[in-house]
Amino acid sequence: MKVKIYTDGAARGNPDGPGGYGTILSYTDPRGEEHIRELSQGYKKTTNNRMELMAAIAGLEALTKPCEVELYSDSKYLVDAFNQRWVDSWLKKNWVNSQKKPVKNPDLWKRLLKAKEPHQVTFIWVKGHDGHPQNERCDKLATSAADGDGLIEDVVG
């Protein structure tokens, strides 16, 4: 089953302001009918990078069986971590980066790796705020979530 996941994260007053993520899952069934599911959530205090990761996590965790996934993001932080194999290095070095400093957001990187595990995922970078329809929609979902009611705590751990 092939699925496309589009993601974006936003933070107001980054770091430590309100933030949110937006995710779109798209699946075209054998009859050629497209099925769309949108996800978003706002947080009281967070960072943009945490929301970029949460957007990807939410999309992957929403899948109920192993899929072939194209995950689109405007976050170099997210996409390069996999395409440049930074994550592999972090795992070998026990979550220490090339500057010999602890990797930021290890809780979310670990959750993302677990969510990604049953799937074949290709990470694709798209330029943000450049007219890409799904990226623009994800941005709207993320910023609306950050500005909305029902913000939850971003529990680091």
N, C-alpha and C. Protein backbone atom coordinates (compact mmCIF):
# COMPACT_ATOMS: atom_id res chain seq x y z
N MET A 1 0.84 -1.18 0.00
CA MET A 1 0.00 0.00 0.00
C MET A 1 0.88 1.24 0.00
N LYS A 2 0.67 2.13 -0.96
CA LYS A 2 1.46 3.35 -1.07
C LYS A 2 0.69 4.52 -0.48
N VAL A 3 1.38 5.26 0.39
CA VAL A 3 0.78 6.40 1.07
C VAL A 3 1.73 7.59 0.96
N LYS A 4 1.16 8.77 0.76
CA LYS A 4 1.94 10.00 0.81
C LYS A 4 1.57 10.73 2.08
N ILE A 5 2.60 11.17 2.80
CA ILE A 5 2.39 11.94 4.02
C ILE A 5 3.08 13.29 3.83
N TYR A 6 2.31 14.34 4.06
CA TYR A 6 2.83 15.70 3.98
C TYR A 6 2.83 16.27 5.39
N THR A 7 3.90 16.97 5.78
CA THR A 7 4.02 17.42 7.16
C THR A 7 4.54 18.84 7.24
N ASP A 8 4.20 19.50 8.34
CA ASP A 8 4.79 20.79 8.67
C ASP A 8 4.61 21.05 10.16
N GLY A 9 5.55 21.79 10.71
CA GLY A 9 5.49 22.20 12.10
C GLY A 9 5.62 23.70 12.18
N ALA A 10 5.10 24.27 13.26
CA ALA A 10 5.16 25.71 13.47
C ALA A 10 5.33 26.00 14.95
N ALA A 11 6.03 27.08 15.24
CA ALA A 11 6.14 27.54 16.62
C ALA A 11 6.11 29.05 16.63
N ARG A 12 5.38 29.59 17.55
CA ARG A 12 5.29 31.04 17.74
C ARG A 12 6.27 31.41 18.86
N GLY A 13 7.13 32.36 18.62
CA GLY A 13 8.10 32.72 19.65
C GLY A 13 9.09 31.60 19.90
N ASN A 14 9.49 30.92 18.82
CA ASN A 14 10.43 29.80 18.89
C ASN A 14 11.74 30.28 19.51
N PRO A 15 12.31 29.65 20.53
CA PRO A 15 11.76 28.46 21.20
C PRO A 15 10.83 28.83 22.36
N ASP A 16 10.12 27.87 22.80
CA ASP A 16 9.31 27.95 24.02
C ASP A 16 8.06 28.82 23.91
N GLY A 17 7.54 28.98 22.72
CA GLY A 17 6.22 29.58 22.56
C GLY A 17 5.25 28.49 22.18
N PRO A 18 4.00 28.85 21.92
CA PRO A 18 3.05 27.85 21.46
C PRO A 18 3.44 27.36 20.07
N GLY A 19 3.07 26.14 19.77
CA GLY A 19 3.38 25.57 18.47
C GLY A 19 2.35 24.54 18.08
N GLY A 20 2.52 24.03 16.87
CA GLY A 20 1.60 23.01 16.39
C GLY A 20 2.15 22.29 15.18
N TYR A 21 1.51 21.21 14.84
CA TYR A 21 1.89 20.49 13.63
C TYR A 21 0.66 20.26 12.77
N GLY A 22 0.92 20.05 11.49
CA GLY A 22 -0.12 19.68 10.55
C GLY A 22 0.38 18.55 9.67
N THR A 23 -0.47 17.57 9.45
CA THR A 23 -0.11 16.39 8.67
C THR A 23 -1.27 16.01 7.75
N ILE A 24 -0.93 15.66 6.52
CA ILE A 24 -1.93 15.16 5.58
C ILE A 24 -1.48 13.78 5.12
N LEU A 25 -2.37 12.80 5.23
CA LEU A 25 -2.13 11.47 4.67
C LEU A 25 -2.98 11.34 3.42
N SER A 26 -2.38 10.84 2.35
CA SER A 26 -3.08 10.68 1.08
C SER A 26 -2.84 9.27 0.54
N TYR A 27 -3.95 8.61 0.22
CA TYR A 27 -3.90 7.25 -0.32
C TYR A 27 -4.86 7.17 -1.51
N THR A 28 -4.38 6.65 -2.61
CA THR A 28 -5.24 6.43 -3.78
C THR A 28 -5.55 4.95 -3.88
N ASP A 29 -6.83 4.62 -3.78
CA ASP A 29 -7.22 3.21 -3.78
C ASP A 29 -7.17 2.63 -5.20
N PRO A 30 -7.34 1.30 -5.33
CA PRO A 30 -7.24 0.66 -6.65
C PRO A 30 -8.23 1.20 -7.69
N ARG A 31 -9.31 1.82 -7.23
CA ARG A 31 -10.27 2.41 -8.17
C ARG A 31 -9.87 3.82 -8.61
N GLY A 32 -8.74 4.31 -8.06
CA GLY A 32 -8.26 5.64 -8.42
C GLY A 32 -8.85 6.75 -7.57
N GLU A 33 -9.55 6.38 -6.50
CA GLU A 33 -10.15 7.38 -5.61
C GLU A 33 -9.15 7.77 -4.52
N GLU A 34 -8.95 9.07 -4.36
CA GLU A 34 -8.01 9.55 -3.36
C GLU A 34 -8.71 9.71 -2.01
N HIS A 35 -8.05 9.22 -0.96
CA HIS A 35 -8.55 9.34 0.40
C HIS A 35 -7.58 10.23 1.16
N ILE A 36 -8.11 11.26 1.81
CA ILE A 36 -7.29 12.24 2.52
C ILE A 36 -7.67 12.24 4.00
N ARG A 37 -6.67 12.29 4.85
CA ARG A 37 -6.90 12.44 6.29
C ARG A 37 -5.97 13.54 6.79
N GLU A 38 -6.51 14.50 7.51
CA GLU A 38 -5.71 15.59 8.06
C GLU A 38 -5.62 15.45 9.57
N LEU A 39 -4.42 15.70 10.10
CA LEU A 39 -4.17 15.64 11.54
C LEU A 39 -3.49 16.93 11.97
N SER A 40 -3.81 17.41 13.17
CA SER A 40 -3.10 18.56 13.72
C SER A 40 -3.29 18.58 15.23
N GLN A 41 -2.35 19.25 15.89
CA GLN A 41 -2.43 19.42 17.35
C GLN A 41 -1.57 20.62 17.72
N GLY A 42 -2.05 21.38 18.69
CA GLY A 42 -1.30 22.51 19.20
C GLY A 42 -0.72 22.21 20.58
N TYR A 43 0.40 22.87 20.89
CA TYR A 43 1.11 22.66 22.15
C TYR A 43 1.37 24.02 22.82
N LYS A 44 1.37 24.03 24.15
CA LYS A 44 1.54 25.28 24.90
C LYS A 44 2.93 25.87 24.74
N LYS A 45 3.96 25.08 24.93
CA LYS A 45 5.35 25.56 24.81
C LYS A 45 6.16 24.50 24.09
N THR A 46 6.77 24.89 22.97
CA THR A 46 7.52 23.91 22.19
C THR A 46 8.47 24.64 21.26
N THR A 47 9.08 23.88 20.36
CA THR A 47 9.96 24.48 19.35
C THR A 47 9.51 24.04 17.96
N ASN A 48 9.96 24.75 16.97
CA ASN A 48 9.63 24.41 15.59
C ASN A 48 10.12 23.00 15.25
N ASN A 49 11.36 22.69 15.63
CA ASN A 49 11.90 21.36 15.29
C ASN A 49 11.11 20.23 15.94
N ARG A 50 10.65 20.44 17.16
CA ARG A 50 9.84 19.40 17.80
C ARG A 50 8.53 19.20 17.05
N MET A 51 7.96 20.29 16.56
CA MET A 51 6.70 20.18 15.82
C MET A 51 6.92 19.54 14.44
N GLU A 52 8.05 19.80 13.81
CA GLU A 52 8.36 19.12 12.54
C GLU A 52 8.42 17.61 12.77
N LEU A 53 9.06 17.21 13.85
CA LEU A 53 9.15 15.78 14.17
C LEU A 53 7.79 15.20 14.53
N MET A 54 7.00 15.94 15.31
CA MET A 54 5.67 15.45 15.70
C MET A 54 4.76 15.27 14.49
N ALA A 55 4.89 16.14 13.50
CA ALA A 55 4.07 16.01 12.29
C ALA A 55 4.35 14.68 11.60
N ALA A 56 5.63 14.33 11.49
CA ALA A 56 6.01 13.06 10.86
C ALA A 56 5.56 11.88 11.72
N ILE A 57 5.76 11.99 13.02
CA ILE A 57 5.34 10.92 13.95
C ILE A 57 3.84 10.68 13.84
N ALA A 58 3.06 11.75 13.88
CA ALA A 58 1.60 11.62 13.82
C ALA A 58 1.17 10.89 12.55
N GLY A 59 1.78 11.26 11.43
CA GLY A 59 1.42 10.61 10.17
C GLY A 59 1.76 9.14 10.16
N LEU A 60 2.95 8.80 10.60
CA LEU A 60 3.37 7.40 10.60
C LEU A 60 2.59 6.57 11.63
N GLU A 61 2.31 7.16 12.79
CA GLU A 61 1.55 6.43 13.81
C GLU A 61 0.09 6.22 13.41
N ALA A 62 -0.40 7.01 12.47
CA ALA A 62 -1.79 6.86 12.02
C ALA A 62 -1.97 5.67 11.08
N LEU A 63 -0.88 5.16 10.53
CA LEU A 63 -0.96 4.02 9.61
C LEU A 63 -1.20 2.74 10.39
N THR A 64 -2.13 1.93 9.92
CA THR A 64 -2.51 0.73 10.67
C THR A 64 -1.89 -0.56 10.15
N LYS A 65 -1.21 -0.48 9.00
CA LYS A 65 -0.49 -1.65 8.48
C LYS A 65 0.75 -1.16 7.74
N PRO A 66 1.73 -2.04 7.52
CA PRO A 66 2.95 -1.62 6.84
C PRO A 66 2.66 -1.02 5.46
N CYS A 67 3.31 0.10 5.19
CA CYS A 67 3.07 0.83 3.94
C CYS A 67 4.39 1.27 3.31
N GLU A 68 4.30 1.56 2.04
CA GLU A 68 5.38 2.23 1.33
C GLU A 68 5.03 3.72 1.38
N VAL A 69 5.85 4.48 2.07
CA VAL A 69 5.52 5.87 2.38
C VAL A 69 6.48 6.84 1.70
N GLU A 70 5.92 7.86 1.08
CA GLU A 70 6.68 9.03 0.68
C GLU A 70 6.30 10.12 1.66
N LEU A 71 7.27 10.56 2.47
CA LEU A 71 7.02 11.58 3.47
C LEU A 71 7.65 12.89 3.01
N TYR A 72 6.80 13.90 2.81
CA TYR A 72 7.22 15.21 2.31
C TYR A 72 7.29 16.21 3.45
N SER A 73 8.40 16.92 3.55
CA SER A 73 8.59 17.91 4.61
C SER A 73 9.43 19.07 4.09
N ASP A 74 9.17 20.26 4.63
CA ASP A 74 10.03 21.40 4.32
C ASP A 74 11.13 21.57 5.36
N SER A 75 11.27 20.58 6.24
CA SER A 75 12.27 20.62 7.30
C SER A 75 13.54 19.87 6.89
N LYS A 76 14.60 20.61 6.66
CA LYS A 76 15.90 19.98 6.39
C LYS A 76 16.34 19.17 7.62
N TYR A 77 16.02 19.67 8.79
CA TYR A 77 16.34 18.99 10.05
C TYR A 77 15.83 17.55 10.01
N LEU A 78 14.59 17.37 9.60
CA LEU A 78 13.98 16.04 9.52
C LEU A 78 14.50 15.24 8.34
N VAL A 79 14.41 15.80 7.16
CA VAL A 79 14.75 15.07 5.94
C VAL A 79 16.24 14.70 5.89
N ASP A 80 17.11 15.66 6.22
CA ASP A 80 18.54 15.38 6.17
C ASP A 80 18.98 14.37 7.22
N ALA A 81 18.29 14.34 8.35
CA ALA A 81 18.64 13.38 9.40
C ALA A 81 18.59 11.95 8.86
N PHE A 82 17.67 11.68 7.93
CA PHE A 82 17.58 10.35 7.34
C PHE A 82 18.37 10.25 6.04
N ASN A 83 18.21 11.23 5.17
CA ASN A 83 18.87 11.14 3.86
C ASN A 83 20.39 11.31 3.93
N GLN A 84 20.87 12.03 4.92
CA GLN A 84 22.31 12.18 5.14
C GLN A 84 22.83 11.17 6.18
N ARG A 85 21.93 10.32 6.65
CA ARG A 85 22.26 9.26 7.61
C ARG A 85 22.79 9.76 8.96
N TRP A 86 22.36 10.95 9.35
CA TRP A 86 22.74 11.45 10.67
C TRP A 86 22.21 10.54 11.76
N VAL A 87 20.98 10.04 11.59
CA VAL A 87 20.36 9.20 12.61
C VAL A 87 21.20 7.95 12.85
N ASP A 88 21.71 7.35 11.79
CA ASP A 88 22.55 6.16 11.94
C ASP A 88 23.77 6.47 12.82
N SER A 89 24.38 7.62 12.58
CA SER A 89 25.54 8.04 13.36
C SER A 89 25.16 8.30 14.81
N TRP A 90 24.02 8.97 15.01
CA TRP A 90 23.57 9.24 16.38
C TRP A 90 23.33 7.95 17.15
N LEU A 91 22.75 6.98 16.50
CA LEU A 91 22.51 5.69 17.16
C LEU A 91 23.82 5.02 17.55
N LYS A 92 24.79 5.02 16.64
CA LYS A 92 26.10 4.42 16.93
C LYS A 92 26.81 5.13 18.08
N LYS A 93 26.60 6.44 18.17
CA LYS A 93 27.30 7.25 19.18
C LYS A 93 26.42 7.52 20.41
N ASN A 94 25.36 6.73 20.57
CA ASN A 94 24.47 6.86 21.73
C ASN A 94 23.90 8.27 21.85
N TRP A 95 23.33 8.77 20.75
CA TRP A 95 22.64 10.04 20.68
C TRP A 95 23.56 11.23 20.96
N VAL A 96 24.78 11.13 20.42
CA VAL A 96 25.73 12.25 20.45
C VAL A 96 26.00 12.63 19.00
N ASN A 97 26.03 13.94 18.72
CA ASN A 97 26.20 14.38 17.34
C ASN A 97 27.67 14.53 16.97
N SER A 98 27.94 14.99 15.76
CA SER A 98 29.31 15.10 15.26
C SER A 98 30.12 16.15 16.02
N GLN A 99 29.44 17.07 16.71
CA GLN A 99 30.14 18.06 17.54
C GLN A 99 30.34 17.55 18.98
N LYS A 100 30.07 16.26 19.16
CA LYS A 100 30.21 15.59 20.45
C LYS A 100 29.28 16.18 21.53
N LYS A 101 28.12 16.65 21.08
CA LYS A 101 27.10 17.19 21.98
C LYS A 101 25.87 16.29 21.90
N PRO A 102 25.09 16.25 22.97
CA PRO A 102 23.87 15.43 22.93
C PRO A 102 22.93 15.91 21.80
N VAL A 103 22.36 14.97 21.11
CA VAL A 103 21.39 15.27 20.06
C VAL A 103 20.15 15.89 20.73
N LYS A 104 19.61 16.93 20.13
CA LYS A 104 18.40 17.54 20.65
C LYS A 104 17.19 16.67 20.27
N ASN A 105 16.23 16.65 21.13
CA ASN A 105 14.96 15.95 20.92
C ASN A 105 15.08 14.43 20.77
N PRO A 106 15.95 13.78 21.55
CA PRO A 106 16.09 12.32 21.39
C PRO A 106 14.80 11.57 21.66
N ASP A 107 13.94 12.10 22.54
CA ASP A 107 12.66 11.44 22.81
C ASP A 107 11.83 11.32 21.53
N LEU A 108 11.79 12.39 20.74
CA LEU A 108 11.00 12.35 19.52
C LEU A 108 11.69 11.58 18.40
N TRP A 109 13.01 11.66 18.33
CA TRP A 109 13.72 10.85 17.32
C TRP A 109 13.48 9.37 17.57
N LYS A 110 13.52 8.95 18.84
CA LYS A 110 13.28 7.54 19.17
C LYS A 110 11.84 7.14 18.83
N ARG A 111 10.90 8.02 19.13
CA ARG A 111 9.49 7.74 18.81
C ARG A 111 9.30 7.67 17.30
N LEU A 112 9.96 8.55 16.57
CA LEU A 112 9.87 8.55 15.11
C LEU A 112 10.45 7.26 14.53
N LEU A 113 11.59 6.82 15.03
CA LEU A 113 12.19 5.57 14.55
C LEU A 113 11.25 4.39 14.78
N LYS A 114 10.60 4.38 15.95
CA LYS A 114 9.66 3.29 16.25
C LYS A 114 8.46 3.34 15.30
N ALA A 115 7.94 4.55 15.06
CA ALA A 115 6.78 4.71 14.17
C ALA A 115 7.13 4.35 12.72
N LYS A 116 8.35 4.59 12.34
CA LYS A 116 8.84 4.35 10.98
C LYS A 116 9.14 2.87 10.73
N GLU A 117 9.44 2.14 11.78
CA GLU A 117 9.96 0.77 11.70
C GLU A 117 9.19 -0.17 10.77
N PRO A 118 7.86 -0.25 10.84
CA PRO A 118 7.17 -1.24 9.99
C PRO A 118 7.02 -0.81 8.53
N HIS A 119 7.44 0.40 8.22
CA HIS A 119 7.19 0.96 6.89
C HIS A 119 8.49 1.14 6.09
N GLN A 120 8.30 1.25 4.79
CA GLN A 120 9.40 1.63 3.91
C GLN A 120 9.18 3.11 3.63
N VAL A 121 10.04 3.97 4.21
CA VAL A 121 9.81 5.42 4.15
C VAL A 121 10.90 6.10 3.34
N THR A 122 10.47 6.93 2.41
CA THR A 122 11.36 7.80 1.66
C THR A 122 11.07 9.22 2.10
N PHE A 123 12.10 9.94 2.53
CA PHE A 123 11.94 11.32 2.98
C PHE A 123 12.27 12.25 1.82
N ILE A 124 11.34 13.17 1.53
CA ILE A 124 11.48 14.07 0.40
C ILE A 124 11.33 15.51 0.90
N TRP A 125 12.33 16.34 0.58
CA TRP A 125 12.29 17.74 0.99
C TRP A 125 11.55 18.56 -0.05
N VAL A 126 10.68 19.45 0.42
CA VAL A 126 10.01 20.42 -0.44
C VAL A 126 10.29 21.81 0.13
N LYS A 127 10.45 22.77 -0.75
CA LYS A 127 10.68 24.14 -0.30
C LYS A 127 9.42 24.68 0.34
N GLY A 128 9.55 25.21 1.55
CA GLY A 128 8.41 25.76 2.26
C GLY A 128 7.96 27.10 1.71
N HIS A 129 6.69 27.38 1.86
CA HIS A 129 6.11 28.66 1.45
C HIS A 129 6.42 28.98 0.00
N ASP A 130 6.34 27.94 -0.84
CA ASP A 130 6.68 28.09 -2.25
C ASP A 130 5.53 27.64 -3.16
N GLY A 131 4.32 27.60 -2.60
CA GLY A 131 3.16 27.28 -3.41
C GLY A 131 2.83 25.81 -3.54
N HIS A 132 3.57 24.92 -2.87
CA HIS A 132 3.26 23.49 -2.89
C HIS A 132 1.93 23.32 -2.14
N PRO A 133 0.85 22.88 -2.81
CA PRO A 133 -0.48 22.88 -2.18
C PRO A 133 -0.57 22.14 -0.85
N GLN A 134 -0.02 20.94 -0.78
CA GLN A 134 -0.12 20.18 0.47
C GLN A 134 0.76 20.80 1.57
N ASN A 135 1.94 21.33 1.19
CA ASN A 135 2.78 21.98 2.19
C ASN A 135 2.09 23.24 2.73
N GLU A 136 1.44 23.98 1.86
CA GLU A 136 0.72 25.18 2.29
C GLU A 136 -0.43 24.79 3.22
N ARG A 137 -1.12 23.70 2.91
CA ARG A 137 -2.22 23.24 3.75
C ARG A 137 -1.70 22.78 5.11
N CYS A 138 -0.59 22.05 5.11
CA CYS A 138 0.01 21.60 6.38
C CYS A 138 0.44 22.80 7.23
N ASP A 139 0.98 23.83 6.59
CA ASP A 139 1.37 25.04 7.30
C ASP A 139 0.14 25.68 7.95
N LYS A 140 -0.97 25.73 7.21
CA LYS A 140 -2.21 26.29 7.75
C LYS A 140 -2.70 25.46 8.93
N LEU A 141 -2.66 24.14 8.80
CA LEU A 141 -3.06 23.26 9.91
C LEU A 141 -2.18 23.49 11.14
N ALA A 142 -0.86 23.60 10.92
CA ALA A 142 0.09 23.76 12.02
C ALA A 142 -0.09 25.11 12.72
N THR A 143 -0.19 26.18 11.94
CA THR A 143 -0.31 27.50 12.55
C THR A 143 -1.68 27.67 13.22
N SER A 144 -2.72 27.12 12.63
CA SER A 144 -4.05 27.18 13.25
C SER A 144 -4.05 26.42 14.57
N ALA A 145 -3.37 25.28 14.60
CA ALA A 145 -3.28 24.50 15.84
C ALA A 145 -2.51 25.28 16.90
N ALA A 146 -1.42 25.92 16.50
CA ALA A 146 -0.61 26.70 17.44
C ALA A 146 -1.38 27.88 18.01
N ASP A 147 -2.25 28.47 17.18
CA ASP A 147 -3.01 29.66 17.58
C ASP A 147 -4.36 29.31 18.20
N GLY A 148 -4.71 28.04 18.21
CA GLY A 148 -6.05 27.64 18.62
C GLY A 148 -6.19 27.33 20.10
N ASP A 149 -7.37 26.87 20.43
CA ASP A 149 -7.66 26.40 21.78
C ASP A 149 -7.25 24.94 21.88
N GLY A 150 -7.29 24.40 23.05
CA GLY A 150 -7.00 22.98 23.25
C GLY A 150 -5.53 22.64 23.15
N LEU A 151 -4.66 23.63 23.47
CA LEU A 151 -3.22 23.35 23.45
C LEU A 151 -2.88 22.39 24.58
N ILE A 152 -1.98 21.46 24.27
CA ILE A 152 -1.56 20.49 25.28
C ILE A 152 -0.09 20.72 25.63
N GLU A 153 0.36 20.08 26.70
CA GLU A 153 1.75 20.17 27.11
C GLU A 153 2.64 19.34 26.19
N ASP A 154 3.78 19.88 25.83
CA ASP A 154 4.79 19.11 25.09
C ASP A 154 5.70 18.49 26.14
N VAL A 155 5.44 17.24 26.46
CA VAL A 155 6.17 16.56 27.52
C VAL A 155 7.45 15.98 26.94
N VAL A 156 8.58 16.53 27.37
CA VAL A 156 9.87 16.06 26.92
C VAL A 156 10.29 14.91 27.82
N GLY A 157 10.68 13.81 27.20
CA GLY A 157 11.08 12.70 28.06
C GLY A 157 11.30 11.49 27.37
